[in-house]
Protein backbone atom coordinates (compact mmCIF):
# COMPACT_ATOMS: atom_id res chain seq x y z
CA MET A 1 -25.81 -3.48 -15.05
CA ALA A 2 -22.55 -5.12 -13.33
CA SER A 3 -20.81 -5.32 -16.87
CA ARG A 4 -22.40 -1.64 -18.06
CA ASP A 5 -20.98 -0.27 -14.65
CA PHE A 6 -16.97 -1.93 -15.76
CA TRP A 7 -17.45 -0.78 -19.29
CA ASP A 8 -18.18 3.20 -18.45
CA GLY A 9 -15.44 3.22 -15.60
CA ALA A 10 -13.09 1.52 -18.35
CA ARG A 11 -14.20 4.11 -20.61
CA ARG A 12 -13.08 6.87 -17.78
CA GLY A 13 -9.88 5.64 -18.12
CA VAL A 14 -8.61 5.96 -21.94
CA PRO A 15 -8.06 9.64 -21.23
CA ILE A 16 -5.67 8.68 -18.69
CA VAL A 17 -4.12 6.05 -20.35
CA LEU A 18 -3.33 8.27 -23.31
CA SER A 19 -1.76 11.13 -20.72
CA ALA A 20 -0.14 8.68 -18.68
CA SER A 21 1.67 6.21 -20.71
CA PRO A 22 4.27 8.16 -21.93
CA PHE A 23 5.05 8.73 -18.48
CA GLY A 24 5.44 5.52 -17.70
CA ALA A 25 7.65 4.87 -20.67
CA LEU A 26 9.52 6.95 -19.48
CA PHE A 27 9.85 5.44 -15.84
CA GLY A 28 11.20 2.35 -17.46
CA ALA A 29 13.48 3.85 -19.66
CA LEU A 30 14.71 5.39 -16.91
CA ALA A 31 14.51 2.14 -14.48
CA ILE A 32 17.19 0.24 -17.01
CA ASP A 33 18.93 3.60 -16.90
CA ASN A 34 19.49 3.27 -13.31
CA GLY A 35 20.41 -0.13 -13.82
CA PHE A 36 17.09 -1.79 -13.39
CA SER A 37 16.52 -4.89 -15.16
CA ILE A 38 12.84 -5.23 -17.54
CA VAL A 39 11.61 -7.24 -15.08
CA ASP A 40 12.95 -5.78 -11.88
CA ALA A 41 10.79 -2.11 -13.78
CA ILE A 42 7.76 -3.65 -14.18
CA PHE A 43 7.75 -5.24 -10.67
CA MET A 44 8.03 -1.71 -9.46
CA SER A 45 5.03 -0.43 -11.41
CA ALA A 46 3.38 -3.54 -10.19
CA THR A 47 3.89 -3.08 -6.61
CA VAL A 48 4.05 0.56 -6.23
CA PHE A 49 1.97 1.88 -8.69
CA ALA A 50 2.72 6.41 -7.81
CA GLY A 51 4.14 7.68 -10.93
CA ALA A 52 6.06 10.29 -9.19
CA SER A 53 6.96 8.04 -6.18
CA GLN A 54 8.16 5.48 -8.82
CA MET A 55 10.47 8.46 -9.95
CA VAL A 56 11.81 10.05 -6.48
CA GLY A 57 12.43 5.63 -5.42
CA LEU A 58 14.51 5.72 -8.48
CA ASP A 59 16.31 8.99 -8.01
CA LEU A 60 17.02 7.93 -4.56
CA PHE A 61 18.27 4.28 -5.13
CA GLY A 62 20.50 5.93 -8.14
CA HIS A 63 22.53 7.81 -4.89
CA ALA A 64 22.37 4.50 -2.27
CA VAL A 65 20.04 6.86 -0.38
CA GLN A 66 19.22 4.68 3.29
CA PRO A 67 16.14 2.39 2.84
CA TRP A 68 14.40 4.45 5.65
CA LEU A 69 15.01 7.82 3.70
CA ILE A 70 13.14 6.18 0.32
CA VAL A 71 9.98 5.27 2.40
CA LEU A 72 9.82 8.25 4.25
CA SER A 73 10.50 10.42 0.85
CA VAL A 74 7.81 7.98 -0.82
CA PHE A 75 5.67 8.45 1.57
CA ALA A 76 6.19 12.50 1.03
CA VAL A 77 4.53 12.27 -2.07
CA ASN A 78 2.00 9.89 -1.41
CA PHE A 79 0.63 11.55 1.11
CA ARG A 80 -2.17 13.28 -0.31
CA HIS A 81 -3.85 10.03 -0.81
CA VAL A 82 -4.63 9.93 2.82
CA LEU A 83 -6.72 13.44 1.94
CA TYR A 84 -7.93 11.37 -1.06
CA SER A 85 -8.93 8.19 0.88
CA ALA A 86 -10.73 10.59 3.80
CA SER A 87 -12.33 12.38 1.25
CA MET A 88 -13.53 9.21 -0.98
CA ALA A 89 -14.95 7.44 2.59
CA ARG A 90 -18.60 8.08 1.58
CA HIS A 91 -18.12 6.35 -1.73
CA ILE A 92 -16.75 3.46 -0.87
CA ALA A 93 -18.07 3.18 2.67
CA HIS A 94 -20.47 0.11 0.96
CA PHE A 95 -17.57 -2.01 0.09
CA SER A 96 -16.25 -4.90 1.59
CA LEU A 97 -12.68 -5.19 3.84
CA VAL A 98 -10.73 -6.36 1.08
CA GLN A 99 -12.58 -4.76 -1.48
CA LYS A 100 -11.56 -1.43 0.39
CA ALA A 101 -8.23 -3.20 0.29
CA ALA A 102 -8.31 -2.81 -3.84
CA ALA A 103 -10.07 0.08 -4.12
CA LEU A 104 -6.81 1.92 -2.15
CA PHE A 105 -4.36 -0.01 -3.81
CA LEU A 106 -5.71 1.12 -6.97
CA LEU A 107 -6.43 4.78 -5.74
CA THR A 108 -4.65 7.64 -7.54
CA ASP A 109 -5.02 11.31 -8.58
CA PRO A 110 -7.52 10.71 -11.59
CA GLN A 111 -8.54 7.77 -9.66
CA TYR A 112 -9.94 9.96 -7.07
CA ALA A 113 -11.48 12.59 -9.48
CA GLU A 114 -13.57 10.56 -11.30
CA THR A 115 -15.14 8.85 -8.27
CA GLU A 116 -15.44 12.08 -6.91
CA LYS A 117 -17.26 13.60 -9.66
CA ARG A 118 -19.95 10.36 -9.74
CA GLY A 119 -20.44 10.74 -6.91
CA GLU A 120 -21.13 13.90 -7.17
CA ARG A 121 -23.53 13.16 -9.78
CA GLY A 122 -25.74 10.93 -7.56
CA GLU A 123 -24.80 7.87 -9.52
CA PRO A 124 -23.35 5.38 -7.13
CA VAL A 125 -19.46 3.86 -7.15
CA THR A 126 -19.86 0.19 -7.38
CA PHE A 127 -17.01 -1.83 -6.99
CA VAL A 128 -17.45 -3.14 -10.56
CA TRP A 129 -17.24 0.34 -11.69
CA TYR A 130 -14.32 1.19 -9.50
CA MET A 131 -12.22 -2.29 -10.82
CA GLY A 132 -12.95 -0.95 -14.90
CA LEU A 133 -11.69 2.71 -14.10
CA GLY A 134 -8.75 1.68 -11.72
CA LEU A 135 -7.69 -1.27 -14.08
CA ALA A 136 -8.25 0.59 -17.32
CA ILE A 137 -5.22 2.69 -15.80
CA TYR A 138 -3.44 0.14 -14.04
CA LEU A 139 -2.82 -2.36 -16.52
CA PRO A 140 -1.65 -0.06 -19.77
CA TRP A 141 0.97 1.86 -17.01
CA LEU A 142 2.93 -2.08 -16.34
CA VAL A 143 2.21 -2.32 -20.69
CA ALA A 144 3.98 1.07 -20.76
CA THR A 145 6.68 0.75 -18.62
CA ALA A 146 7.54 -2.78 -20.25
CA LEU A 147 7.89 -0.53 -23.51
CA GLY A 148 9.43 1.79 -21.98
CA ALA A 149 12.38 -0.49 -20.76
CA VAL A 150 12.90 -2.40 -23.55
CA PHE A 151 12.71 0.55 -26.41
CA GLY A 152 13.19 3.11 -24.06
CA GLY A 153 16.86 3.96 -26.12
CA LEU A 154 14.84 5.05 -29.07
CA ILE A 155 12.89 7.89 -26.81
CA GLY A 156 15.59 10.45 -26.33
CA ASP A 157 15.09 13.63 -24.45
CA PRO A 158 11.30 13.75 -23.20
CA LYS A 159 11.56 17.51 -23.76
CA ALA A 160 12.21 17.41 -27.40
CA ILE A 161 9.08 16.36 -28.35
CA GLY A 162 6.66 17.62 -25.17
CA LEU A 163 6.41 14.09 -23.60
CA ASP A 164 7.19 16.18 -20.12
CA VAL A 165 4.71 18.11 -20.36
CA MET A 166 1.62 15.98 -20.68
CA LEU A 167 0.60 14.73 -17.18
CA PRO A 168 0.97 18.01 -15.97
CA ILE A 169 -1.60 19.24 -17.86
CA TYR A 170 -3.76 16.50 -17.43
CA PHE A 171 -3.36 16.90 -13.57
CA MET A 172 -4.59 20.75 -14.54
CA ALA A 173 -7.43 19.27 -16.06
CA LEU A 174 -8.60 17.62 -12.99
CA VAL A 175 -8.14 20.20 -10.73
CA LEU A 176 -10.01 22.25 -13.41
CA GLY A 177 -13.03 20.25 -13.03
CA PHE A 178 -14.23 21.04 -9.56
CA ARG A 179 -13.95 25.07 -10.20
CA SER A 180 -17.78 25.01 -9.88
CA ARG A 181 -17.50 24.18 -5.30
CA ASP A 182 -16.90 26.46 -3.01
CA ASN A 183 -14.22 28.55 -2.37
CA TRP A 184 -12.40 26.70 -5.05
CA LEU A 185 -10.39 29.64 -6.34
CA PRO A 186 -8.87 30.59 -2.95
CA VAL A 187 -7.96 27.26 -1.88
CA VAL A 188 -5.71 26.40 -4.95
CA ALA A 189 -4.03 29.66 -5.21
CA VAL A 190 -3.19 29.01 -1.49
CA SER A 191 -2.39 25.56 -2.48
CA SER A 192 -0.15 27.07 -5.28
CA VAL A 193 1.82 29.63 -3.73
CA VAL A 194 2.24 27.53 -0.42
CA SER A 195 3.69 25.05 -2.76
CA VAL A 196 6.24 26.55 -4.94
CA ILE A 197 7.69 28.35 -1.47
CA ALA A 198 7.95 25.05 0.50
CA MET A 199 9.39 24.25 -2.82
CA ARG A 200 12.06 26.80 -3.09
CA LEU A 201 12.68 27.00 1.31
CA VAL A 202 12.50 22.84 2.22
CA GLY A 203 12.16 21.16 -1.24
CA SER A 204 11.08 17.85 -3.11
CA PRO A 205 9.29 16.26 -2.67
CA TRP A 206 7.73 18.17 0.65
CA HIS A 207 6.23 20.85 -0.86
CA VAL A 208 3.83 18.65 -2.28
CA SER A 209 2.11 17.42 0.90
CA ILE A 210 3.07 21.34 2.38
CA GLY A 211 1.14 22.62 -0.17
CA ALA A 212 -1.86 20.28 0.02
CA LEU A 213 -2.02 20.10 3.71
CA ALA A 214 -1.80 24.51 3.38
CA GLY A 215 -4.84 24.48 0.89
CA VAL A 216 -6.80 21.63 3.83
CA VAL A 217 -6.38 24.22 6.70
CA LEU A 218 -7.83 27.26 4.24
CA ALA A 219 -10.95 24.90 2.89
CA ALA A 220 -11.38 23.77 6.42
CA CYS A 221 -11.69 27.60 7.76
CA LEU A 222 -13.69 29.23 4.90
CA PRO A 223 -17.44 28.77 4.95
CA VAL A 224 -19.24 26.88 2.24
CA LYS A 225 -22.65 26.55 1.41
CA SER A 226 -25.07 24.03 3.30
CA GLY A 227 -25.94 22.20 0.08
CA GLU A 228 -22.19 21.88 -0.56
CA ALA A 229 -22.14 21.40 3.59
CA ALA A 230 -24.48 18.47 3.37
CA ARG A 231 -22.43 16.25 0.90
C-alpha cells in the first residue's frame, strides 16, 4: 500500500517535471551568467526550491542589493505559501512534526494543487504519497539546474523556442483545475485584475501577494454552498 501510494504520487509529478524542467535549466544558465558557480546554482535550487523566488534573488544578487531587501522580496513572492499551508493543514494534520517540516519544505504551487485535489476526491493524503509527488518534482529540479548551469550557453534565447511560456501555461492549467469550486470565476477575475493593477502601481514581486490577498478577501465575503463550507 505504501509503495503504491509513493508511485502514485510520483506519477502525478511527471507532467509537472516536463513543464518545470526548462525553467530550472533556465535558472541554472542565468545563475552562471550572474557569476554563480555550478555548485552555487545547485545549492540555491536545493535550499530555496522556488523557481520565481530564485529568479528574483538572482536578479537582486546581480545588483548588489542589501541582504534584508533580498529576503523581503523573496518573502513577498512566496507569501502565497502561507495561504497554501493554511488551506492544506486539514489534509496533513495527521503528519508528525518532522513530517510536516519535510512536507512544507517541498510545498510548491503544483504540490498544493495536487494535494487539494486528492483531498477533495476523498482520498487520504498520506505522507508516503506526498513525498512521492514532492521528490518527483524536487530531484529533477536539481538535475535541470545542473544541466542548465553546464550547458546553458546552448539554450540561447528561451523566447525564441517558446520555453518562456511553458510554466505559465501549466500554472493556468492548475487554476482551471479548480473551476468547479463555488465562486471560482469572480475570485480568479478579481485576483487577476488586482494583480495587474498592483504590477503597474507597486511593481514586482509585490503584485503576486497583493493579487492573492484580494482573492482571499473576496472569497471570504462571498457565500458558499453548505457542502463546500463543510469541506
